[in-house]
Amino acid sequence: MSGDKLFLDTNIILYLLSGDETLATFLDKKQLYISLITELELLGFGGITEKEENVIKDFLSQCKVIAINGKVKEETIRIRKTYKTKLPDSIIIATALYLDLPLITSDIDFKKVDELSLIHYIK
């Protein structure tokens, strides 16, 4: 696991795009990874304006978006069965585990996944 790489949950990106300076400082100069699910959650939200969509797309262009592959799929199934997490959360967790990267989130449910290297962010 490398200290300059982080896997971001959707809520962290929303905080960051809302102007959270603490997060901006923490994430500065880090290589950022996200799940395809996060991209879908951000861009698929029905209430975003064209301007907001462009801001999101600009941010996403600075991240490495990880698609679902066979290993992520298997890990997702295991996570979902073991920890009873929601499907999108299971995919995000499984992708972070697959990449062996710390996951930053404010979602308390992620704490129950023992093998996950978690950075729990409290806003």
C-alpha atoms as a PDB file:
ATOM      1  CA  MET A   1       0.000   0.000   0.000  1.00  0.00           C
ATOM      2  CA  SER A   2       1.385   3.382  -0.987  1.00  0.00           C
ATOM      3  CA  GLY A   3       0.927   6.561   1.048  1.00  0.00           C
ATOM      4  CA  ASP A   4       0.381   8.780  -1.973  1.00  0.00           C
ATOM      5  CA  LYS A   5      -2.578   6.830  -3.377  1.00  0.00           C
ATOM      6  CA  LEU A   6      -6.122   6.962  -2.022  1.00  0.00           C
ATOM      7  CA  PHE A   7      -9.446   5.457  -2.989  1.00  0.00           C
ATOM      8  CA  LEU A   8     -12.344   7.919  -2.628  1.00  0.00           C
ATOM      9  CA  ASP A   9     -15.932   7.206  -1.704  1.00  0.00           C
ATOM     10  CA  THR A  10     -18.633   9.280  -3.364  1.00  0.00           C
ATOM     11  CA  ASN A  11     -19.394  11.341  -0.244  1.00  0.00           C
ATOM     12  CA  ILE A  12     -15.782  12.518  -0.046  1.00  0.00           C
ATOM     13  CA  ILE A  13     -15.946  13.901  -3.584  1.00  0.00           C
ATOM     14  CA  LEU A  14     -19.201  15.680  -2.794  1.00  0.00           C
ATOM     15  CA  TYR A  15     -17.604  17.314   0.270  1.00  0.00           C
ATOM     16  CA  LEU A  16     -14.553  18.267  -1.731  1.00  0.00           C
ATOM     17  CA  LEU A  17     -16.590  19.800  -4.565  1.00  0.00           C
ATOM     18  CA  SER A  18     -18.607  21.713  -1.949  1.00  0.00           C
ATOM     19  CA  GLY A  19     -15.440  23.471  -0.860  1.00  0.00           C
ATOM     20  CA  ASP A  20     -14.127  21.387   2.051  1.00  0.00           C
ATOM     21  CA  GLU A  21     -10.647  22.890   2.494  1.00  0.00           C
ATOM     22  CA  THR A  22      -9.507  20.269   4.997  1.00  0.00           C
ATOM     23  CA  LEU A  23     -10.124  17.546   2.424  1.00  0.00           C
ATOM     24  CA  ALA A  24      -8.543  19.593  -0.360  1.00  0.00           C
ATOM     25  CA  THR A  25      -5.373  19.967   1.692  1.00  0.00           C
ATOM     26  CA  PHE A  26      -5.341  16.289   2.679  1.00  0.00           C
ATOM     27  CA  LEU A  27      -5.864  15.079  -0.908  1.00  0.00           C
ATOM     28  CA  ASP A  28      -3.408  17.516  -2.478  1.00  0.00           C
ATOM     29  CA  LYS A  29      -0.677  15.764  -4.468  1.00  0.00           C
ATOM     30  CA  LYS A  30      -2.277  12.353  -3.929  1.00  0.00           C
ATOM     31  CA  GLN A  31      -3.071   9.961  -6.738  1.00  0.00           C
ATOM     32  CA  LEU A  32      -6.848   9.520  -6.525  1.00  0.00           C
ATOM     33  CA  TYR A  33      -8.796   6.418  -7.484  1.00  0.00           C
ATOM     34  CA  ILE A  34     -12.548   5.914  -7.674  1.00  0.00           C
ATOM     35  CA  SER A  35     -14.912   3.144  -8.626  1.00  0.00           C
ATOM     36  CA  LEU A  36     -16.979   3.305 -11.777  1.00  0.00           C
ATOM     37  CA  ILE A  37     -19.915   3.230  -9.337  1.00  0.00           C
ATOM     38  CA  THR A  38     -18.856   6.581  -7.882  1.00  0.00           C
ATOM     39  CA  GLU A  39     -18.709   8.092 -11.351  1.00  0.00           C
ATOM     40  CA  LEU A  40     -22.219   6.784 -12.060  1.00  0.00           C
ATOM     41  CA  GLU A  41     -23.537   8.067  -8.723  1.00  0.00           C
ATOM     42  CA  LEU A  42     -22.097  11.545  -9.264  1.00  0.00           C
ATOM     43  CA  LEU A  43     -23.107  12.007 -12.897  1.00  0.00           C
ATOM     44  CA  GLY A  44     -26.389  10.107 -12.633  1.00  0.00           C
ATOM     45  CA  PHE A  45     -27.888  12.369  -9.989  1.00  0.00           C
ATOM     46  CA  GLY A  46     -31.078  13.836 -11.461  1.00  0.00           C
ATOM     47  CA  GLY A  47     -30.805  17.297  -9.972  1.00  0.00           C
ATOM     48  CA  ILE A  48     -27.384  18.418 -11.211  1.00  0.00           C
ATOM     49  CA  THR A  49     -27.043  21.388 -13.500  1.00  0.00           C
ATOM     50  CA  GLU A  50     -24.881  21.451 -16.614  1.00  0.00           C
ATOM     51  CA  LYS A  51     -22.341  23.582 -14.749  1.00  0.00           C
ATOM     52  CA  GLU A  52     -22.209  21.109 -11.841  1.00  0.00           C
ATOM     53  CA  GLU A  53     -21.853  18.225 -14.284  1.00  0.00           C
ATOM     54  CA  ASN A  54     -18.891  19.961 -15.921  1.00  0.00           C
ATOM     55  CA  VAL A  55     -17.242  20.525 -12.509  1.00  0.00           C
ATOM     56  CA  ILE A  56     -17.733  16.835 -11.672  1.00  0.00           C
ATOM     57  CA  LYS A  57     -16.342  15.727 -15.039  1.00  0.00           C
ATOM     58  CA  ASP A  58     -13.335  17.996 -14.590  1.00  0.00           C
ATOM     59  CA  PHE A  59     -12.632  16.475 -11.175  1.00  0.00           C
ATOM     60  CA  LEU A  60     -13.147  12.926 -12.447  1.00  0.00           C
ATOM     61  CA  SER A  61     -10.639  13.536 -15.240  1.00  0.00           C
ATOM     62  CA  GLN A  62      -8.009  13.886 -12.483  1.00  0.00           C
ATOM     63  CA  CYS A  63      -8.895  10.487 -10.986  1.00  0.00           C
ATOM     64  CA  LYS A  64      -8.251   6.947 -12.109  1.00  0.00           C
ATOM     65  CA  VAL A  65     -11.671   5.369 -12.621  1.00  0.00           C
ATOM     66  CA  ILE A  66     -11.592   1.622 -11.967  1.00  0.00           C
ATOM     67  CA  ALA A  67     -14.076  -0.570 -13.817  1.00  0.00           C
ATOM     68  CA  ILE A  68     -15.540  -3.788 -12.465  1.00  0.00           C
ATOM     69  CA  ASN A  69     -13.513  -6.836 -13.443  1.00  0.00           C
ATOM     70  CA  GLY A  70     -13.820 -10.484 -12.458  1.00  0.00           C
ATOM     71  CA  LYS A  71     -11.808 -10.114  -9.237  1.00  0.00           C
ATOM     72  CA  VAL A  72     -13.799  -7.044  -8.142  1.00  0.00           C
ATOM     73  CA  LYS A  73     -17.024  -8.895  -8.920  1.00  0.00           C
ATOM     74  CA  GLU A  74     -16.001 -11.889  -6.768  1.00  0.00           C
ATOM     75  CA  GLU A  75     -14.888  -9.618  -3.929  1.00  0.00           C
ATOM     76  CA  THR A  76     -18.147  -7.631  -4.175  1.00  0.00           C
ATOM     77  CA  ILE A  77     -20.171 -10.794  -3.721  1.00  0.00           C
ATOM     78  CA  ARG A  78     -18.077 -11.827  -0.722  1.00  0.00           C
ATOM     79  CA  ILE A  79     -18.313  -8.372   0.896  1.00  0.00           C
ATOM     80  CA  ARG A  80     -22.059  -8.147   0.350  1.00  0.00           C
ATOM     81  CA  LYS A  81     -22.701 -11.611   1.798  1.00  0.00           C
ATOM     82  CA  THR A  82     -20.319 -11.207   4.730  1.00  0.00           C
ATOM     83  CA  TYR A  83     -21.108  -7.651   5.809  1.00  0.00           C
ATOM     84  CA  LYS A  84     -24.620  -7.115   4.399  1.00  0.00           C
ATOM     85  CA  THR A  85     -23.598  -3.829   2.751  1.00  0.00           C
ATOM     86  CA  LYS A  86     -25.549  -2.121  -0.004  1.00  0.00           C
ATOM     87  CA  LEU A  87     -24.527  -3.165  -3.499  1.00  0.00           C
ATOM     88  CA  PRO A  88     -22.904   0.165  -4.535  1.00  0.00           C
ATOM     89  CA  ASP A  89     -20.978   0.265  -1.247  1.00  0.00           C
ATOM     90  CA  SER A  90     -19.931  -3.363  -1.701  1.00  0.00           C
ATOM     91  CA  ILE A  91     -18.511  -2.578  -5.143  1.00  0.00           C
ATOM     92  CA  ILE A  92     -16.623   0.465  -3.840  1.00  0.00           C
ATOM     93  CA  ILE A  93     -15.195  -1.516  -0.900  1.00  0.00           C
ATOM     94  CA  ALA A  94     -14.284  -4.470  -3.113  1.00  0.00           C
ATOM     95  CA  THR A  95     -12.490  -2.204  -5.576  1.00  0.00           C
ATOM     96  CA  ALA A  96     -10.446  -0.571  -2.806  1.00  0.00           C
ATOM     97  CA  LEU A  97      -9.528  -4.027  -1.486  1.00  0.00           C
ATOM     98  CA  TYR A  98      -8.647  -5.248  -4.976  1.00  0.00           C
ATOM     99  CA  LEU A  99      -6.275  -2.283  -5.415  1.00  0.00           C
ATOM    100  CA  ASP A 100      -4.994  -2.597  -1.817  1.00  0.00           C
ATOM    101  CA  LEU A 101      -5.584   1.122  -1.274  1.00  0.00           C
ATOM    102  CA  PRO A 102      -6.902   2.976   1.766  1.00  0.00           C
ATOM    103  CA  LEU A 103     -10.492   4.090   1.320  1.00  0.00           C
ATOM    104  CA  ILE A 104     -11.551   7.493   2.587  1.00  0.00           C
ATOM    105  CA  THR A 105     -15.237   7.833   3.422  1.00  0.00           C
ATOM    106  CA  SER A 106     -17.594   9.367   5.934  1.00  0.00           C
ATOM    107  CA  ASP A 107     -19.890   6.321   5.758  1.00  0.00           C
ATOM    108  CA  ILE A 108     -19.837   4.653   9.178  1.00  0.00           C
ATOM    109  CA  ASP A 109     -21.056   1.328   7.705  1.00  0.00           C
ATOM    110  CA  PHE A 110     -17.680   0.834   6.055  1.00  0.00           C
ATOM    111  CA  LYS A 111     -16.096   0.405   9.507  1.00  0.00           C
ATOM    112  CA  LYS A 112     -17.563  -3.079   9.814  1.00  0.00           C
ATOM    113  CA  VAL A 113     -15.341  -4.374   6.988  1.00  0.00           C
ATOM    114  CA  ASP A 114     -12.386  -5.589   9.043  1.00  0.00           C
ATOM    115  CA  GLU A 115      -9.860  -6.087   6.252  1.00  0.00           C
ATOM    116  CA  LEU A 116     -10.432  -2.637   4.758  1.00  0.00           C
ATOM    117  CA  SER A 117      -7.787   0.029   5.289  1.00  0.00           C
ATOM    118  CA  LEU A 118     -10.172   2.836   6.166  1.00  0.00           C
ATOM    119  CA  ILE A 119      -9.784   6.558   6.680  1.00  0.00           C
ATOM    120  CA  HIS A 120     -13.030   7.637   8.307  1.00  0.00           C
ATOM    121  CA  TYR A 121     -13.579  11.332   7.618  1.00  0.00           C
ATOM    122  CA  ILE A 122     -15.859  13.239   9.951  1.00  0.00           C
ATOM    123  CA  LYS A 123     -17.117  16.470   8.446  1.00  0.00           C
END
